[in-house]
Protein backbone atom coordinates (compact mmCIF):
# COMPACT_ATOMS: atom_id res chain seq x y z
CA UNK A 1 0.00 0.00 0.00
CA UNK A 2 2.85 2.41 0.82
CA UNK A 3 4.24 2.17 -2.67
CA UNK A 4 1.09 3.36 -4.42
CA UNK A 5 -0.02 6.95 -4.84
CA UNK A 6 -3.49 8.43 -5.11
CA UNK A 7 -2.28 10.45 -8.10
CA UNK A 8 -2.29 7.35 -10.29
CA UNK A 9 -5.81 6.27 -9.38
CA UNK A 10 -9.12 7.32 -10.85
CA UNK A 11 -11.24 9.48 -8.61
CA UNK A 12 -14.60 8.13 -7.46
CA UNK A 13 -17.50 9.71 -5.63
CA UNK A 14 -16.87 10.60 -2.00
CA UNK A 15 -18.09 8.20 0.68
CA UNK A 16 -21.82 8.90 0.95
CA UNK A 17 -22.32 7.32 4.39
CA UNK A 18 -19.55 9.43 5.88
CA UNK A 19 -20.99 12.58 4.33
CA UNK A 20 -24.54 11.70 5.42
CA UNK A 21 -23.58 10.98 9.04
CA UNK A 22 -21.52 14.18 9.27
CA UNK A 23 -24.39 16.28 7.91
CA UNK A 24 -26.88 14.54 10.22
CA UNK A 25 -24.76 15.25 13.30
CA UNK A 26 -24.32 18.84 12.19
CA UNK A 27 -28.09 19.27 11.83
CA UNK A 28 -28.70 17.68 15.23
CA UNK A 29 -26.10 20.03 16.69
CA UNK A 30 -27.76 23.15 15.34
CA UNK A 31 -31.16 22.09 16.72
CA UNK A 32 -29.79 21.09 20.13
CA UNK A 33 -27.61 24.20 20.49
CA UNK A 34 -30.73 26.31 20.02
CA UNK A 35 -32.72 24.18 22.44
CA UNK A 36 -29.96 24.28 25.06
CA UNK A 37 -29.17 28.01 24.78
CA UNK A 38 -32.55 29.65 24.16
CA UNK A 39 -33.70 29.78 27.77
CA UNK A 40 -30.51 31.07 29.37
CA UNK A 41 -30.41 34.07 27.04
CA UNK A 42 -34.04 34.96 26.43
CA UNK A 43 -34.49 37.04 29.59
CA UNK A 44 -31.88 39.74 28.95
CA UNK A 45 -30.04 38.96 25.71
CA UNK A 46 -30.67 37.78 22.18
CA UNK A 47 -32.16 34.24 22.48
CA UNK A 48 -30.91 33.43 18.99
CA UNK A 49 -27.27 34.39 19.68
CA UNK A 50 -25.82 30.87 19.93
CA UNK A 51 -28.05 29.60 17.14
CA UNK A 52 -26.87 32.31 14.75
CA UNK A 53 -23.27 31.77 15.78
CA UNK A 54 -23.53 28.01 15.27
CA UNK A 55 -25.11 28.45 11.83
CA UNK A 56 -22.41 30.95 10.79
CA UNK A 57 -19.59 28.60 11.81
CA UNK A 58 -21.43 25.68 10.20
CA UNK A 59 -21.53 27.59 6.89
CA UNK A 60 -17.79 28.29 7.17
CA UNK A 61 -17.25 24.63 8.04
CA UNK A 62 -19.23 23.48 5.03
CA UNK A 63 -17.11 25.73 2.80
CA UNK A 64 -13.97 24.24 4.33
CA UNK A 65 -15.29 20.71 3.92
CA UNK A 66 -16.16 21.37 0.29
CA UNK A 67 -12.72 22.80 -0.40
CA UNK A 68 -10.71 20.02 1.23
CA UNK A 69 -12.93 17.29 -0.21
CA UNK A 70 -11.80 18.49 -3.64
CA UNK A 71 -8.20 19.38 -2.76
CA UNK A 72 -6.14 16.25 -3.45
CA UNK A 73 -4.94 15.10 -0.07
CA UNK A 74 -1.33 14.30 -1.00
CA UNK A 75 -0.85 18.01 -1.82
CA UNK A 76 -1.28 18.70 1.89
CA UNK A 77 2.20 17.28 2.48
CA UNK A 78 3.83 20.40 1.09
CA UNK A 79 1.97 22.54 3.64
CA UNK A 80 2.58 20.32 6.68
CA UNK A 81 5.59 22.10 8.17
CA UNK A 82 4.07 25.52 7.55
CA UNK A 83 0.80 24.56 9.23
CA UNK A 84 2.73 23.07 12.16
CA UNK A 85 4.79 26.24 12.60
CA UNK A 86 1.73 28.48 12.26
CA UNK A 87 -0.20 26.51 14.89
CA UNK A 88 2.81 26.70 17.25
CA UNK A 89 2.96 30.48 16.88
CA UNK A 90 -0.77 30.75 17.54
CA UNK A 91 -0.48 28.58 20.66
CA UNK A 92 2.27 30.87 21.93
CA UNK A 93 0.30 34.01 20.99
CA UNK A 94 -2.43 33.00 23.45
CA UNK A 95 -0.18 34.17 26.30
CA UNK A 96 0.62 37.58 24.79
CA UNK A 97 -1.39 40.39 26.48
CA UNK A 98 -3.71 42.08 24.05
CA UNK A 99 -3.82 39.04 21.73
CA UNK A 100 -4.82 36.20 24.01
CA UNK A 101 -8.32 36.24 25.48
CA UNK A 102 -8.96 35.01 29.02
CA UNK A 103 -12.36 33.48 29.79
CA UNK A 104 -13.20 32.01 33.21
CA UNK A 105 -9.53 31.91 34.19
CA UNK A 106 -8.35 30.07 31.05
CA UNK A 107 -6.30 31.61 28.23
CA UNK A 108 -7.26 29.37 25.28
CA UNK A 109 -8.40 31.93 22.72
CA UNK A 110 -7.10 34.72 20.56
CA UNK A 111 -9.28 37.40 19.03
CA UNK A 112 -11.32 40.47 19.85
CA UNK A 113 -14.59 40.44 21.77
CA UNK A 114 -16.89 37.65 20.61
CA UNK A 115 -14.72 36.93 17.56
CA UNK A 116 -12.47 34.36 19.18
CA UNK A 117 -10.42 31.50 17.82
CA UNK A 118 -8.97 28.53 19.73
CA UNK A 119 -5.50 27.65 18.38
CA UNK A 120 -5.50 24.22 20.03
CA UNK A 121 -8.16 23.11 17.52
CA UNK A 122 -5.74 23.83 14.68
CA UNK A 123 -2.86 22.28 16.64
CA UNK A 124 -4.66 18.91 16.81
CA UNK A 125 -5.04 18.80 13.04
CA UNK A 126 -1.46 20.04 12.51
CA UNK A 127 -0.06 17.24 14.67
CA UNK A 128 -2.07 14.63 12.76
CA UNK A 129 -0.83 16.02 9.43
CA UNK A 130 2.78 16.09 10.62
CA UNK A 131 2.70 12.60 12.13
CA UNK A 132 1.12 11.09 9.01
CA UNK A 133 3.55 12.86 6.67
CA UNK A 134 6.61 11.94 8.74
CA UNK A 135 5.79 8.29 9.35
CA UNK A 136 4.91 7.72 5.68
CA UNK A 137 8.39 8.80 4.53
CA UNK A 138 10.48 6.07 2.94
CA UNK A 139 13.83 7.44 4.16
CA UNK A 140 13.19 6.67 7.85
CA UNK A 141 13.04 3.44 9.81
CA UNK A 142 9.78 3.59 11.74
CA UNK A 143 10.77 0.78 14.10
CA UNK A 144 13.92 2.64 15.14
CA UNK A 145 13.04 4.84 18.10
CA UNK A 146 15.37 7.74 17.29
CA UNK A 147 14.09 7.91 13.71
CA UNK A 148 10.45 6.92 14.19
CA UNK A 149 8.69 7.88 17.42
CA UNK A 150 11.20 10.23 19.07
CA UNK A 151 10.98 13.26 16.72
CA UNK A 152 7.17 13.12 16.86
CA UNK A 153 7.13 12.80 20.65
CA UNK A 154 9.39 15.84 21.02
CA UNK A 155 7.09 18.06 18.98
CA UNK A 156 4.03 16.53 20.66
CA UNK A 157 5.57 17.33 24.06
CA UNK A 158 6.06 21.00 23.09
CA UNK A 159 2.48 21.33 21.84
CA UNK A 160 1.11 19.46 24.85
CA UNK A 161 2.99 21.74 27.26
CA UNK A 162 1.61 24.87 25.58
CA UNK A 163 -1.95 23.52 25.69
CA UNK A 164 -1.62 22.49 29.34
CA UNK A 165 -0.34 25.98 30.16
CA UNK A 166 -3.66 27.46 28.99
CA UNK A 167 -4.88 25.12 30.73
CA UNK A 168 -6.85 22.64 28.59
CA UNK A 169 -6.37 19.05 29.75
CA UNK A 170 -9.17 17.60 27.59
CA UNK A 171 -7.76 18.91 24.32
CA UNK A 172 -4.23 17.93 25.31
CA UNK A 173 -5.25 14.37 26.11
CA UNK A 174 -7.28 14.07 22.87
CA UNK A 175 -4.33 15.31 20.80
CA UNK A 176 -1.77 13.11 22.55
CA UNK A 177 -4.03 10.07 22.39
CA UNK A 178 -4.73 10.41 18.67
CA UNK A 179 -1.01 10.87 17.89
CA UNK A 180 -0.07 7.83 19.97
CA UNK A 181 -2.71 5.74 18.18
CA UNK A 182 -1.30 6.92 14.88
CA UNK A 183 2.21 5.95 15.93
CA UNK A 184 0.90 2.51 16.86
CA UNK A 185 -0.89 2.12 13.50
CA UNK A 186 2.31 3.09 11.68
CA UNK A 187 4.09 0.05 13.10
CA UNK A 188 6.15 1.40 16.01
CA UNK A 189 7.00 -1.59 18.29
CA UNK A 190 4.79 -2.13 21.32
CA UNK A 191 7.83 -2.12 23.61
CA UNK A 192 8.56 1.48 22.68
CA UNK A 193 4.96 2.51 23.23
CA UNK A 194 4.92 0.77 26.61
CA UNK A 195 8.07 2.58 27.72
CA UNK A 196 6.68 5.91 26.55
CA UNK A 197 3.44 5.25 28.43
CA UNK A 198 5.29 4.23 31.58
CA UNK A 199 7.47 7.34 31.47
CA UNK A 200 4.34 9.50 31.09
CA UNK A 201 2.84 8.28 34.37
CA UNK A 202 5.00 10.56 36.60
CA UNK A 203 4.13 13.50 34.34
CA UNK A 204 0.43 12.70 34.62
CA UNK A 205 0.66 12.54 38.42
CA UNK A 206 2.50 15.86 38.44
CA UNK A 207 -0.16 17.49 36.28
CA UNK A 208 -2.88 16.25 38.64
CA UNK A 209 -1.20 17.33 41.87
CA UNK A 210 0.33 20.57 40.59
CA UNK A 211 -3.08 22.23 40.23
CA UNK A 212 -5.50 21.96 43.18
CA UNK A 213 -8.59 22.12 40.96
CA UNK A 214 -7.50 19.01 39.01
CA UNK A 215 -7.10 17.01 42.22
CA UNK A 216 -10.48 18.29 43.41
CA UNK A 217 -12.08 17.19 40.14
CA UNK A 218 -10.53 13.73 40.51
CA UNK A 219 -11.82 13.39 44.06
CA UNK A 220 -15.28 14.69 43.12
CA UNK A 221 -15.43 12.17 40.27
CA UNK A 222 -15.14 9.38 42.83
CA UNK A 223 -17.94 10.84 44.97
CA UNK A 224 -19.58 13.98 43.52
CA UNK A 225 -22.18 14.07 46.33
CA UNK A 226 -19.44 14.68 48.89
CA UNK A 227 -19.31 18.30 47.65
CA UNK A 228 -22.56 18.82 45.72
CA UNK A 229 -22.40 22.64 45.60
CA UNK A 230 -18.83 23.00 44.35
CA UNK A 231 -16.53 20.33 42.87
CA UNK A 232 -19.29 17.77 42.34
CA UNK A 233 -21.87 20.23 41.02
CA UNK A 234 -21.28 19.67 37.29
CA UNK A 235 -21.43 15.88 37.43
CA UNK A 236 -24.52 15.88 39.66
CA UNK A 237 -26.45 18.30 37.44
CA UNK A 238 -25.47 16.29 34.38
CA UNK A 239 -26.77 13.09 35.95
CA UNK A 240 -29.95 14.90 37.00
CA UNK A 241 -30.46 15.72 33.32
CA UNK A 242 -29.79 12.19 32.09
CA UNK A 243 -31.99 10.40 34.63
CA UNK A 244 -35.41 12.01 33.93
CA UNK A 245 -35.00 11.49 30.18
CA UNK A 246 -36.27 7.94 30.39
CA UNK A 247 -36.91 6.09 27.16
CA UNK A 248 -38.29 8.88 24.97
CA UNK A 249 -37.26 12.04 26.84
CA UNK A 250 -39.28 14.95 28.17
CA UNK A 251 -39.57 16.49 24.71
CA UNK A 252 -37.43 18.71 22.52
CA UNK A 253 -37.02 22.11 24.18
CA UNK A 254 -38.72 20.94 27.39
CA UNK A 255 -35.62 20.09 29.44
CA UNK A 256 -35.28 21.70 32.88
CA UNK A 257 -31.61 21.24 33.75
CA UNK A 258 -30.50 23.72 31.07
CA UNK A 259 -32.41 26.43 32.99
CA UNK A 260 -29.41 27.73 34.96
CA UNK A 261 -28.68 24.36 36.61
CA UNK A 262 -26.49 22.53 34.10
CA UNK A 263 -23.22 24.39 33.37
CA UNK A 264 -22.44 25.02 29.68
CA UNK A 265 -25.54 23.15 28.41
CA UNK A 266 -24.93 24.27 24.81
CA UNK A 267 -21.29 23.19 24.68
CA UNK A 268 -19.50 20.77 27.03
CA UNK A 269 -22.68 19.23 28.49
CA UNK A 270 -24.95 19.26 25.46
CA UNK A 271 -25.15 15.45 25.45
CA UNK A 272 -26.87 15.64 28.85
CA UNK A 273 -29.51 17.91 27.26
CA UNK A 274 -29.93 15.35 24.46
CA UNK A 275 -30.45 12.60 27.02
CA UNK A 276 -33.02 14.63 28.96
CA UNK A 277 -35.03 15.91 26.01
CA UNK A 278 -34.73 12.99 23.57
CA UNK A 279 -34.31 10.17 26.07
CA UNK A 280 -32.51 6.86 25.68
CA UNK A 281 -33.79 6.46 22.11
CA UNK A 282 -32.50 9.86 21.01
CA UNK A 283 -29.15 9.54 22.77
CA UNK A 284 -28.65 6.02 21.39
CA UNK A 285 -29.46 7.25 17.89
CA UNK A 286 -26.78 9.93 18.19
CA UNK A 287 -24.26 7.33 19.37
CA UNK A 288 -25.15 5.02 16.47
CA UNK A 289 -24.59 7.86 14.00
CA UNK A 290 -21.18 8.52 15.56
CA UNK A 291 -20.39 4.82 15.32
CA UNK A 292 -21.26 4.85 11.61
CA UNK A 293 -19.00 7.87 11.08
CA UNK A 294 -16.09 6.17 12.86
CA UNK A 295 -16.66 2.90 11.00
CA UNK A 296 -16.61 4.60 7.61
CA UNK A 297 -13.58 6.64 8.60
CA UNK A 298 -11.53 3.63 9.62
CA UNK A 299 -12.73 1.76 6.53
CA UNK A 300 -11.39 4.61 4.40
CA UNK A 301 -8.09 4.44 6.29
CA UNK A 302 -7.79 0.71 5.60
CA UNK A 303 -8.57 1.10 1.90
CA UNK A 304 -6.50 4.23 1.20
CA UNK A 305 -4.15 3.82 -1.80
CA UNK A 306 -0.97 4.95 0.00
CA UNK A 307 0.56 5.03 3.47
CA UNK A 308 0.16 8.78 3.86
CA UNK A 309 -3.56 8.67 3.08
CA UNK A 310 -4.06 5.70 5.38
CA UNK A 311 -2.29 7.34 8.32
CA UNK A 312 -3.93 10.71 7.73
CA UNK A 313 -7.40 9.14 7.67
CA UNK A 314 -6.70 7.04 10.77
CA UNK A 315 -5.44 10.10 12.63
CA UNK A 316 -8.48 12.21 11.76
CA UNK A 317 -10.95 9.53 12.83
CA UNK A 318 -9.00 8.80 16.02
CA UNK A 319 -8.98 12.49 16.92
CA UNK A 320 -12.76 12.85 16.49
CA UNK A 321 -13.48 9.51 18.20
CA UNK A 322 -11.34 10.29 21.25
CA UNK A 323 -12.90 13.72 21.64
CA UNK A 324 -16.36 12.14 21.46
CA UNK A 325 -15.50 9.46 24.03
CA UNK A 326 -14.00 12.01 26.45
CA UNK A 327 -17.01 14.31 26.21
CA UNK A 328 -19.56 11.54 26.72
CA UNK A 329 -17.42 10.06 29.50
CA UNK A 330 -17.48 13.38 31.35
CA UNK A 331 -21.23 13.91 30.85
CA UNK A 332 -22.09 10.43 32.12
CA UNK A 333 -19.75 10.68 35.08
CA UNK A 334 -17.49 7.94 33.73
CA UNK A 335 -14.31 10.07 33.82
CA UNK A 336 -13.32 13.24 35.71
CA UNK A 337 -14.65 16.55 34.41
CA UNK A 338 -12.56 18.22 31.73
CA UNK A 339 -13.75 20.76 29.21
CA UNK A 340 -14.00 19.44 25.66
CA UNK A 341 -16.65 19.82 22.96
CA UNK A 342 -18.78 17.08 21.44
CA UNK A 343 -17.69 17.08 17.75
CA UNK A 344 -20.19 18.53 15.26
CA UNK A 345 -22.85 18.99 17.93
CA UNK A 346 -21.53 21.28 20.67
CA UNK A 347 -21.51 25.04 20.25
CA UNK A 348 -18.00 26.08 19.30
CA UNK A 349 -16.57 28.05 16.42
CA UNK A 350 -13.04 26.90 15.64
CA UNK A 351 -13.73 23.37 16.90
CA UNK A 352 -16.62 22.96 14.46
CA UNK A 353 -14.67 24.57 11.62
CA UNK A 354 -11.59 22.35 11.89
CA UNK A 355 -13.61 19.20 12.52
CA UNK A 356 -15.49 19.78 9.27
CA UNK A 357 -12.29 20.63 7.38
CA UNK A 358 -10.79 17.37 8.68
CA UNK A 359 -13.84 15.47 7.48
CA UNK A 360 -13.38 17.14 4.09
CA UNK A 361 -9.87 15.67 3.94
CA UNK A 362 -11.32 12.29 4.88
CA UNK A 363 -13.91 12.56 2.11
CA UNK A 364 -11.14 13.37 -0.36
CA UNK A 365 -9.19 10.27 0.66
CA UNK A 366 -12.34 8.20 0.19
CA UNK A 367 -12.43 9.24 -3.49
CA UNK A 368 -9.23 7.27 -4.08
CA UNK A 369 -9.96 4.34 -1.75
CA UNK A 370 -9.52 0.89 -3.20
């Protein structure tokens, strides 16, 4: 597979199932963002603010998806280093006064006023592009640690440190996890991956104990009712939303937890609103659609005509899948609370934009799949 190039193959139609599932999730997201955000804004602000914002970013995302679905994916190689450098500069710019924007104690955005952009969303895609391009080179020995995994881990470590400085543990974990999965898919020996994982344990412990709020979140995850008004509040309110949903839900727009109880109901905890309003049937349907998207994505990765396309597709799907699993894990109380959007559904500008651009790349790869 590594010896073949998409340039020599005849283009086919893009994968319809992948496109259909992506558009379905996007439509569900627009509806649920409006349902989750209408009440909290209608008393003193524009009740359509988040809806309009989501639609605007969705239109930009569709334009990006259309462009990258028709931009031959192997041409992205020539832009890899530039995109990586640009994303690094943007991550560093977050900490420059006057450029970086601080919201709720976190400096994750750059921009002016409501026009904000989160560089970590671009950094995730840049790391996937770099890892796929590097590991698909024929002049390196992937199984040799100093030539294969080490250069990628060094750059990943720099990006991870900048993202953690913001701080944004959820995005950092999703990026690191998708890169490590990509390294594994590329054929790096398990012994190397085990040693890397073992060496990361002390770092993980340091990250948990270096910030009091992270340790508090870990303890509240074990027993959120021990501190129901502070550290356990988010998990408890999320579970209060999920429980009453029952089989069919309380009805679209009829949820109660979004009414100033559930934090960030239109973004990080939107899946809890889905569970409450659409019930087990609605939430399960959303999960099935995600499963179809992941299945088609990995199928495209397995049938890509060259190593670069295969790794790039696998990295994109892994990134979206990990972000989905982390978000749903947080909402259901399965893992400690960490802020991360639900792909294609949560309210979020740059996250939605780069997710759709990534799916456009995946659709382009599918046109050359065997």
